[in-house]
Amino acid sequence: MKSNVRCWTPPAVGLLIAMLLLVGCATVSSDALARCPPIVDYNPTDQASAAVEVETLSETSMVVRMLSDYAVLREQARACR
């Protein structure tokens, strides 16, 4: 065996660093694993009953503001599907 064979053999650390750098360029995103939240479907009777109850509330009611926020969240969940 020649005395310069060791010079031509890359060390294991060099291979490890090269492998880590290549893995860092992977295109897999962790965002793809996100799941959409479930959306509860209400029947028309329940929706009509809720509409009557909301009509009795004042415009400045905190419940009305919360329902408005809930509506936005439901639209975002629908868009996620």
PDB file of N, CA and C in Angstrom:
ATOM      1  N   MET A   1       0.840  -1.172   0.000  1.00  0.00           N
ATOM      2  CA  MET A   1       0.000   0.000   0.000  1.00  0.00           C
ATOM      3  C   MET A   1       0.889   1.242   0.000  1.00  0.00           C
ATOM      4  N   LYS A   2       0.527   2.205  -0.796  1.00  0.00           N
ATOM      5  CA  LYS A   2       1.321   3.421  -0.884  1.00  0.00           C
ATOM      6  C   LYS A   2       1.159   4.252   0.376  1.00  0.00           C
ATOM      7  N   SER A   3       2.107   5.111   0.615  1.00  0.00           N
ATOM      8  CA  SER A   3       2.069   5.935   1.820  1.00  0.00           C
ATOM      9  C   SER A   3       1.106   7.111   1.695  1.00  0.00           C
ATOM     10  N   ASN A   4       0.671   7.462   0.480  1.00  0.00           N
ATOM     11  CA  ASN A   4      -0.231   8.609   0.299  1.00  0.00           C
ATOM     12  C   ASN A   4      -1.695   8.189   0.164  1.00  0.00           C
ATOM     13  N   VAL A   5      -2.050   6.931   0.398  1.00  0.00           N
ATOM     14  CA  VAL A   5      -3.426   6.463   0.278  1.00  0.00           C
ATOM     15  C   VAL A   5      -4.320   7.186   1.272  1.00  0.00           C
ATOM     16  N   ARG A   6      -3.825   7.415   2.467  1.00  0.00           N
ATOM     17  CA  ARG A   6      -4.620   8.097   3.490  1.00  0.00           C
ATOM     18  C   ARG A   6      -4.975   9.526   3.053  1.00  0.00           C
ATOM     19  N   CYS A   7      -4.155  10.178   2.298  1.00  0.00           N
ATOM     20  CA  CYS A   7      -4.426  11.545   1.840  1.00  0.00           C
ATOM     21  C   CYS A   7      -5.611  11.590   0.875  1.00  0.00           C
ATOM     22  N   TRP A   8      -5.851  10.511   0.149  1.00  0.00           N
ATOM     23  CA  TRP A   8      -6.925  10.474  -0.822  1.00  0.00           C
ATOM     24  C   TRP A   8      -8.240   9.976  -0.240  1.00  0.00           C
ATOM     25  N   THR A   9      -8.245   9.533   0.987  1.00  0.00           N
ATOM     26  CA  THR A   9      -9.451   9.025   1.632  1.00  0.00           C
ATOM     27  C   THR A   9     -10.087  10.148   2.447  1.00  0.00           C
ATOM     28  N   PRO A  10     -11.302  10.582   2.087  1.00  0.00           N
ATOM     29  CA  PRO A  10     -11.925  11.661   2.866  1.00  0.00           C
ATOM     30  C   PRO A  10     -12.289  11.158   4.264  1.00  0.00           C
ATOM     31  N   PRO A  11     -12.089  11.971   5.263  1.00  0.00           N
ATOM     32  CA  PRO A  11     -12.424  11.548   6.620  1.00  0.00           C
ATOM     33  C   PRO A  11     -13.935  11.412   6.791  1.00  0.00           C
ATOM     34  N   ALA A  12     -14.353  10.599   7.757  1.00  0.00           N
ATOM     35  CA  ALA A  12     -15.777  10.376   8.006  1.00  0.00           C
ATOM     36  C   ALA A  12     -16.480  11.666   8.402  1.00  0.00           C
ATOM     37  N   VAL A  13     -15.781  12.560   9.066  1.00  0.00           N
ATOM     38  CA  VAL A  13     -16.385  13.833   9.474  1.00  0.00           C
ATOM     39  C   VAL A  13     -16.754  14.658   8.249  1.00  0.00           C
ATOM     40  N   GLY A  14     -15.915  14.629   7.242  1.00  0.00           N
ATOM     41  CA  GLY A  14     -16.209  15.359   6.013  1.00  0.00           C
ATOM     42  C   GLY A  14     -17.466  14.841   5.335  1.00  0.00           C
ATOM     43  N   LEU A  15     -17.634  13.528   5.322  1.00  0.00           N
ATOM     44  CA  LEU A  15     -18.846  12.949   4.742  1.00  0.00           C
ATOM     45  C   LEU A  15     -20.077  13.326   5.549  1.00  0.00           C
ATOM     46  N   LEU A  16     -19.937  13.339   6.861  1.00  0.00           N
ATOM     47  CA  LEU A  16     -21.056  13.717   7.722  1.00  0.00           C
ATOM     48  C   LEU A  16     -21.475  15.162   7.476  1.00  0.00           C
ATOM     49  N   ILE A  17     -20.512  16.055   7.374  1.00  0.00           N
ATOM     50  CA  ILE A  17     -20.822  17.470   7.123  1.00  0.00           C
ATOM     51  C   ILE A  17     -21.488  17.632   5.755  1.00  0.00           C
ATOM     52  N   ALA A  18     -20.973  16.939   4.750  1.00  0.00           N
ATOM     53  CA  ALA A  18     -21.572  17.029   3.415  1.00  0.00           C
ATOM     54  C   ALA A  18     -23.008  16.520   3.429  1.00  0.00           C
ATOM     55  N   MET A  19     -23.249  15.427   4.142  1.00  0.00           N
ATOM     56  CA  MET A  19     -24.598  14.876   4.217  1.00  0.00           C
ATOM     57  C   MET A  19     -25.539  15.844   4.930  1.00  0.00           C
ATOM     58  N   LEU A  20     -25.078  16.457   6.012  1.00  0.00           N
ATOM     59  CA  LEU A  20     -25.921  17.409   6.738  1.00  0.00           C
ATOM     60  C   LEU A  20     -26.253  18.628   5.886  1.00  0.00           C
ATOM     61  N   LEU A  21     -25.291  19.092   5.108  1.00  0.00           N
ATOM     62  CA  LEU A  21     -25.549  20.240   4.236  1.00  0.00           C
ATOM     63  C   LEU A  21     -26.566  19.894   3.151  1.00  0.00           C
ATOM     64  N   LEU A  22     -26.492  18.684   2.622  1.00  0.00           N
ATOM     65  CA  LEU A  22     -27.457  18.280   1.602  1.00  0.00           C
ATOM     66  C   LEU A  22     -28.849  18.098   2.186  1.00  0.00           C
ATOM     67  N   VAL A  23     -28.946  17.591   3.393  1.00  0.00           N
ATOM     68  CA  VAL A  23     -30.248  17.414   4.039  1.00  0.00           C
ATOM     69  C   VAL A  23     -30.867  18.772   4.345  1.00  0.00           C
ATOM     70  N   GLY A  24     -30.048  19.767   4.630  1.00  0.00           N
ATOM     71  CA  GLY A  24     -30.551  21.109   4.914  1.00  0.00           C
ATOM     72  C   GLY A  24     -31.244  21.734   3.716  1.00  0.00           C
ATOM     73  N   CYS A  25     -30.984  21.231   2.535  1.00  0.00           N
ATOM     74  CA  CYS A  25     -31.604  21.760   1.320  1.00  0.00           C
ATOM     75  C   CYS A  25     -32.867  21.001   0.935  1.00  0.00           C
ATOM     76  N   ALA A  26     -33.314  20.103   1.770  1.00  0.00           N
ATOM     77  CA  ALA A  26     -34.508  19.313   1.462  1.00  0.00           C
ATOM     78  C   ALA A  26     -35.705  20.238   1.293  1.00  0.00           C
ATOM     79  N   THR A  27     -36.607  19.885   0.397  1.00  0.00           N
ATOM     80  CA  THR A  27     -37.746  20.748   0.094  1.00  0.00           C
ATOM     81  C   THR A  27     -39.011  20.365   0.841  1.00  0.00           C
ATOM     82  N   VAL A  28     -38.952  19.397   1.719  1.00  0.00           N
ATOM     83  CA  VAL A  28     -40.136  18.978   2.457  1.00  0.00           C
ATOM     84  C   VAL A  28     -40.456  20.026   3.511  1.00  0.00           C
ATOM     85  N   SER A  29     -41.688  20.446   3.547  1.00  0.00           N
ATOM     86  CA  SER A  29     -42.122  21.467   4.495  1.00  0.00           C
ATOM     87  C   SER A  29     -42.928  20.826   5.613  1.00  0.00           C
ATOM     88  N   SER A  30     -42.733  21.320   6.815  1.00  0.00           N
ATOM     89  CA  SER A  30     -43.507  20.797   7.943  1.00  0.00           C
ATOM     90  C   SER A  30     -44.929  21.349   7.930  1.00  0.00           C
ATOM     91  N   ASP A  31     -45.180  22.399   7.142  1.00  0.00           N
ATOM     92  CA  ASP A  31     -46.518  22.975   7.078  1.00  0.00           C
ATOM     93  C   ASP A  31     -47.512  22.028   6.410  1.00  0.00           C
ATOM     94  N   ALA A  32     -47.020  21.119   5.608  1.00  0.00           N
ATOM     95  CA  ALA A  32     -47.921  20.203   4.916  1.00  0.00           C
ATOM     96  C   ALA A  32     -48.609  19.252   5.889  1.00  0.00           C
ATOM     97  N   LEU A  33     -48.072  19.130   7.084  1.00  0.00           N
ATOM     98  CA  LEU A  33     -48.642  18.218   8.062  1.00  0.00           C
ATOM     99  C   LEU A  33     -49.781  18.851   8.858  1.00  0.00           C
ATOM    100  N   ALA A  34     -49.990  20.141   8.678  1.00  0.00           N
ATOM    101  CA  ALA A  34     -51.043  20.821   9.434  1.00  0.00           C
ATOM    102  C   ALA A  34     -52.410  20.301   9.001  1.00  0.00           C
ATOM    103  N   ARG A  35     -53.265  20.085   9.975  1.00  0.00           N
ATOM    104  CA  ARG A  35     -54.608  19.585   9.678  1.00  0.00           C
ATOM    105  C   ARG A  35     -55.612  20.715   9.813  1.00  0.00           C
ATOM    106  N   CYS A  36     -56.660  20.637   9.046  1.00  0.00           N
ATOM    107  CA  CYS A  36     -57.731  21.622   9.127  1.00  0.00           C
ATOM    108  C   CYS A  36     -58.622  21.295  10.321  1.00  0.00           C
ATOM    109  N   PRO A  37     -59.070  22.328  11.038  1.00  0.00           N
ATOM    110  CA  PRO A  37     -59.974  22.063  12.159  1.00  0.00           C
ATOM    111  C   PRO A  37     -61.334  21.602  11.650  1.00  0.00           C
ATOM    112  N   PRO A  38     -62.022  20.788  12.435  1.00  0.00           N
ATOM    113  CA  PRO A  38     -63.339  20.322  11.997  1.00  0.00           C
ATOM    114  C   PRO A  38     -64.365  21.457  12.032  1.00  0.00           C
ATOM    115  N   ILE A  39     -65.328  21.390  11.142  1.00  0.00           N
ATOM    116  CA  ILE A  39     -66.410  22.375  11.096  1.00  0.00           C
ATOM    117  C   ILE A  39     -67.705  21.656  11.434  1.00  0.00           C
ATOM    118  N   VAL A  40     -68.400  22.160  12.427  1.00  0.00           N
ATOM    119  CA  VAL A  40     -69.682  21.576  12.821  1.00  0.00           C
ATOM    120  C   VAL A  40     -70.753  22.115  11.883  1.00  0.00           C
ATOM    121  N   ASP A  41     -71.510  21.225  11.290  1.00  0.00           N
ATOM    122  CA  ASP A  41     -72.619  21.634  10.427  1.00  0.00           C
ATOM    123  C   ASP A  41     -73.898  21.685  11.261  1.00  0.00           C
ATOM    124  N   TYR A  42     -74.578  22.819  11.198  1.00  0.00           N
ATOM    125  CA  TYR A  42     -75.832  22.998  11.934  1.00  0.00           C
ATOM    126  C   TYR A  42     -76.997  22.839  10.970  1.00  0.00           C
ATOM    127  N   ASN A  43     -78.059  22.203  11.435  1.00  0.00           N
ATOM    128  CA  ASN A  43     -79.219  22.026  10.560  1.00  0.00           C
ATOM    129  C   ASN A  43     -79.978  23.353  10.449  1.00  0.00           C
ATOM    130  N   PRO A  44     -80.795  23.511   9.428  1.00  0.00           N
ATOM    131  CA  PRO A  44     -81.507  24.777   9.199  1.00  0.00           C
ATOM    132  C   PRO A  44     -82.382  25.212  10.380  1.00  0.00           C
ATOM    133  N   THR A  45     -82.962  24.268  11.104  1.00  0.00           N
ATOM    134  CA  THR A  45     -83.803  24.624  12.252  1.00  0.00           C
ATOM    135  C   THR A  45     -82.975  25.292  13.341  1.00  0.00           C
ATOM    136  N   ASP A  46     -81.799  24.719  13.634  1.00  0.00           N
ATOM    137  CA  ASP A  46     -80.919  25.312  14.640  1.00  0.00           C
ATOM    138  C   ASP A  46     -80.414  26.681  14.193  1.00  0.00           C
ATOM    139  N   GLN A  47     -80.111  26.818  12.910  1.00  0.00           N
ATOM    140  CA  GLN A  47     -79.641  28.104  12.394  1.00  0.00           C
ATOM    141  C   GLN A  47     -80.722  29.174  12.518  1.00  0.00           C
ATOM    142  N   ALA A  48     -81.962  28.822  12.214  1.00  0.00           N
ATOM    143  CA  ALA A  48     -83.067  29.783  12.321  1.00  0.00           C
ATOM    144  C   ALA A  48     -83.291  30.172  13.776  1.00  0.00           C
ATOM    145  N   SER A  49     -83.207  29.209  14.672  1.00  0.00           N
ATOM    146  CA  SER A  49     -83.384  29.490  16.093  1.00  0.00           C
ATOM    147  C   SER A  49     -82.282  30.419  16.603  1.00  0.00           C
ATOM    148  N   ALA A  50     -81.047  30.162  16.192  1.00  0.00           N
ATOM    149  CA  ALA A  50     -79.930  31.019  16.606  1.00  0.00           C
ATOM    150  C   ALA A  50     -80.081  32.424  16.033  1.00  0.00           C
ATOM    151  N   ALA A  51     -80.570  32.530  14.795  1.00  0.00           N
ATOM    152  CA  ALA A  51     -80.758  33.843  14.176  1.00  0.00           C
ATOM    153  C   ALA A  51     -81.781  34.665  14.944  1.00  0.00           C
ATOM    154  N   VAL A  52     -82.856  34.028  15.400  1.00  0.00           N
ATOM    155  CA  VAL A  52     -83.875  34.734  16.188  1.00  0.00           C
ATOM    156  C   VAL A  52     -83.272  35.225  17.502  1.00  0.00           C
ATOM    157  N   GLU A  53     -82.471  34.389  18.140  1.00  0.00           N
ATOM    158  CA  GLU A  53     -81.852  34.778  19.406  1.00  0.00           C
ATOM    159  C   GLU A  53     -80.866  35.929  19.225  1.00  0.00           C
ATOM    160  N   VAL A  54     -80.091  35.895  18.138  1.00  0.00           N
ATOM    161  CA  VAL A  54     -79.112  36.959  17.890  1.00  0.00           C
ATOM    162  C   VAL A  54     -79.818  38.267  17.558  1.00  0.00           C
ATOM    163  N   GLU A  55     -80.959  38.192  16.881  1.00  0.00           N
ATOM    164  CA  GLU A  55     -81.724  39.403  16.535  1.00  0.00           C
ATOM    165  C   GLU A  55     -82.146  40.163  17.786  1.00  0.00           C
ATOM    166  N   THR A  56     -82.359  39.461  18.891  1.00  0.00           N
ATOM    167  CA  THR A  56     -82.810  40.127  20.116  1.00  0.00           C
ATOM    168  C   THR A  56     -81.668  40.838  20.838  1.00  0.00           C
ATOM    169  N   LEU A  57     -80.433  40.557  20.462  1.00  0.00           N
ATOM    170  CA  LEU A  57     -79.283  41.181  21.121  1.00  0.00           C
ATOM    171  C   LEU A  57     -79.020  42.561  20.534  1.00  0.00           C
ATOM    172  N   SER A  58     -78.409  43.419  21.323  1.00  0.00           N
ATOM    173  CA  SER A  58     -78.052  44.747  20.812  1.00  0.00           C
ATOM    174  C   SER A  58     -76.782  44.638  19.968  1.00  0.00           C
ATOM    175  N   GLU A  59     -76.585  45.623  19.106  1.00  0.00           N
ATOM    176  CA  GLU A  59     -75.417  45.627  18.218  1.00  0.00           C
ATOM    177  C   GLU A  59     -74.111  45.711  18.994  1.00  0.00           C
ATOM    178  N   THR A  60     -74.139  46.312  20.171  1.00  0.00           N
ATOM    179  CA  THR A  60     -72.924  46.483  20.968  1.00  0.00           C
ATOM    180  C   THR A  60     -72.678  45.315  21.917  1.00  0.00           C
ATOM    181  N   SER A  61     -73.492  44.299  21.833  1.00  0.00           N
ATOM    182  CA  SER A  61     -73.357  43.140  22.713  1.00  0.00           C
ATOM    183  C   SER A  61     -72.037  42.413  22.439  1.00  0.00           C
ATOM    184  N   MET A  62     -71.414  41.968  23.501  1.00  0.00           N
ATOM    185  CA  MET A  62     -70.165  41.222  23.370  1.00  0.00           C
ATOM    186  C   MET A  62     -70.396  39.891  22.651  1.00  0.00           C
ATOM    187  N   VAL A  63     -71.545  39.294  22.852  1.00  0.00           N
ATOM    188  CA  VAL A  63     -71.860  38.026  22.187  1.00  0.00           C
ATOM    189  C   VAL A  63     -71.905  38.215  20.668  1.00  0.00           C
ATOM    190  N   VAL A  64     -72.432  39.337  20.211  1.00  0.00           N
ATOM    191  CA  VAL A  64     -72.487  39.615  18.772  1.00  0.00           C
ATOM    192  C   VAL A  64     -71.070  39.740  18.215  1.00  0.00           C
ATOM    193  N   ARG A  65     -70.189  40.415  18.945  1.00  0.00           N
ATOM    194  CA  ARG A  65     -68.790  40.547  18.507  1.00  0.00           C
ATOM    195  C   ARG A  65     -68.108  39.181  18.453  1.00  0.00           C
ATOM    196  N   MET A  66     -68.378  38.348  19.452  1.00  0.00           N
ATOM    197  CA  MET A  66     -67.764  37.019  19.492  1.00  0.00           C
ATOM    198  C   MET A  66     -68.279  36.142  18.351  1.00  0.00           C
ATOM    199  N   LEU A  67     -69.562  36.252  18.042  1.00  0.00           N
ATOM    200  CA  LEU A  67     -70.121  35.488  16.925  1.00  0.00           C
ATOM    201  C   LEU A  67     -69.527  35.940  15.593  1.00  0.00           C
ATOM    202  N   SER A  68     -69.246  37.218  15.490  1.00  0.00           N
ATOM    203  CA  SER A  68     -68.610  37.734  14.279  1.00  0.00           C
ATOM    204  C   SER A  68     -67.211  37.134  14.117  1.00  0.00           C
ATOM    205  N   ASP A  69     -66.457  37.074  15.210  1.00  0.00           N
ATOM    206  CA  ASP A  69     -65.131  36.449  15.169  1.00  0.00           C
ATOM    207  C   ASP A  69     -65.241  34.968  14.817  1.00  0.00           C
ATOM    208  N   TYR A  70     -66.242  34.308  15.375  1.00  0.00           N
ATOM    209  CA  TYR A  70     -66.459  32.887  15.112  1.00  0.00           C
ATOM    210  C   TYR A  70     -66.772  32.653  13.634  1.00  0.00           C
ATOM    211  N   ALA A  71     -67.521  33.561  13.044  1.00  0.00           N
ATOM    212  CA  ALA A  71     -67.844  33.441  11.617  1.00  0.00           C
ATOM    213  C   ALA A  71     -66.573  33.517  10.768  1.00  0.00           C
ATOM    214  N   VAL A  72     -65.658  34.398  11.145  1.00  0.00           N
ATOM    215  CA  VAL A  72     -64.390  34.515  10.414  1.00  0.00           C
ATOM    216  C   VAL A  72     -63.590  33.220  10.542  1.00  0.00           C
ATOM    217  N   LEU A  73     -63.543  32.660  11.745  1.00  0.00           N
ATOM    218  CA  LEU A  73     -62.816  31.407  11.954  1.00  0.00           C
ATOM    219  C   LEU A  73     -63.418  30.265  11.141  1.00  0.00           C
ATOM    220  N   ARG A  74     -64.740  30.226  11.049  1.00  0.00           N
ATOM    221  CA  ARG A  74     -65.398  29.177  10.254  1.00  0.00           C
ATOM    222  C   ARG A  74     -65.053  29.322   8.773  1.00  0.00           C
ATOM    223  N   GLU A  75     -64.999  30.548   8.275  1.00  0.00           N
ATOM    224  CA  GLU A  75     -64.639  30.765   6.872  1.00  0.00           C
ATOM    225  C   GLU A  75     -63.195  30.332   6.610  1.00  0.00           C
ATOM    226  N   GLN A  76     -62.303  30.619   7.552  1.00  0.00           N
ATOM    227  CA  GLN A  76     -60.911  30.199   7.397  1.00  0.00           C
ATOM    228  C   GLN A  76     -60.798  28.677   7.419  1.00  0.00           C
ATOM    229  N   ALA A  77     -61.571  28.029   8.271  1.00  0.00           N
ATOM    230  CA  ALA A  77     -61.550  26.565   8.338  1.00  0.00           C
ATOM    231  C   ALA A  77     -62.106  25.962   7.051  1.00  0.00           C
ATOM    232  N   ARG A  78     -63.129  26.591   6.481  1.00  0.00           N
ATOM    233  CA  ARG A  78     -63.680  26.101   5.205  1.00  0.00           C
ATOM    234  C   ARG A  78     -62.650  26.235   4.086  1.00  0.00           C
ATOM    235  N   ALA A  79     -61.913  27.337   4.092  1.00  0.00           N
ATOM    236  CA  ALA A  79     -60.901  27.564   3.057  1.00  0.00           C
ATOM    237  C   ALA A  79     -59.751  26.565   3.179  1.00  0.00           C
ATOM    238  N   CYS A  80     -59.544  26.041   4.361  1.00  0.00           N
ATOM    239  CA  CYS A  80     -58.462  25.086   4.608  1.00  0.00           C
ATOM    240  C   CYS A  80     -58.735  23.741   3.950  1.00  0.00           C
ATOM    241  N   ARG A  81     -59.974  23.387   3.779  1.00  0.00           N
ATOM    242  CA  ARG A  81     -60.328  22.060   3.235  1.00  0.00           C
ATOM    243  C   ARG A  81     -59.776  21.865   1.889  1.00  0.00           C
TER     244      ARG A  81
END
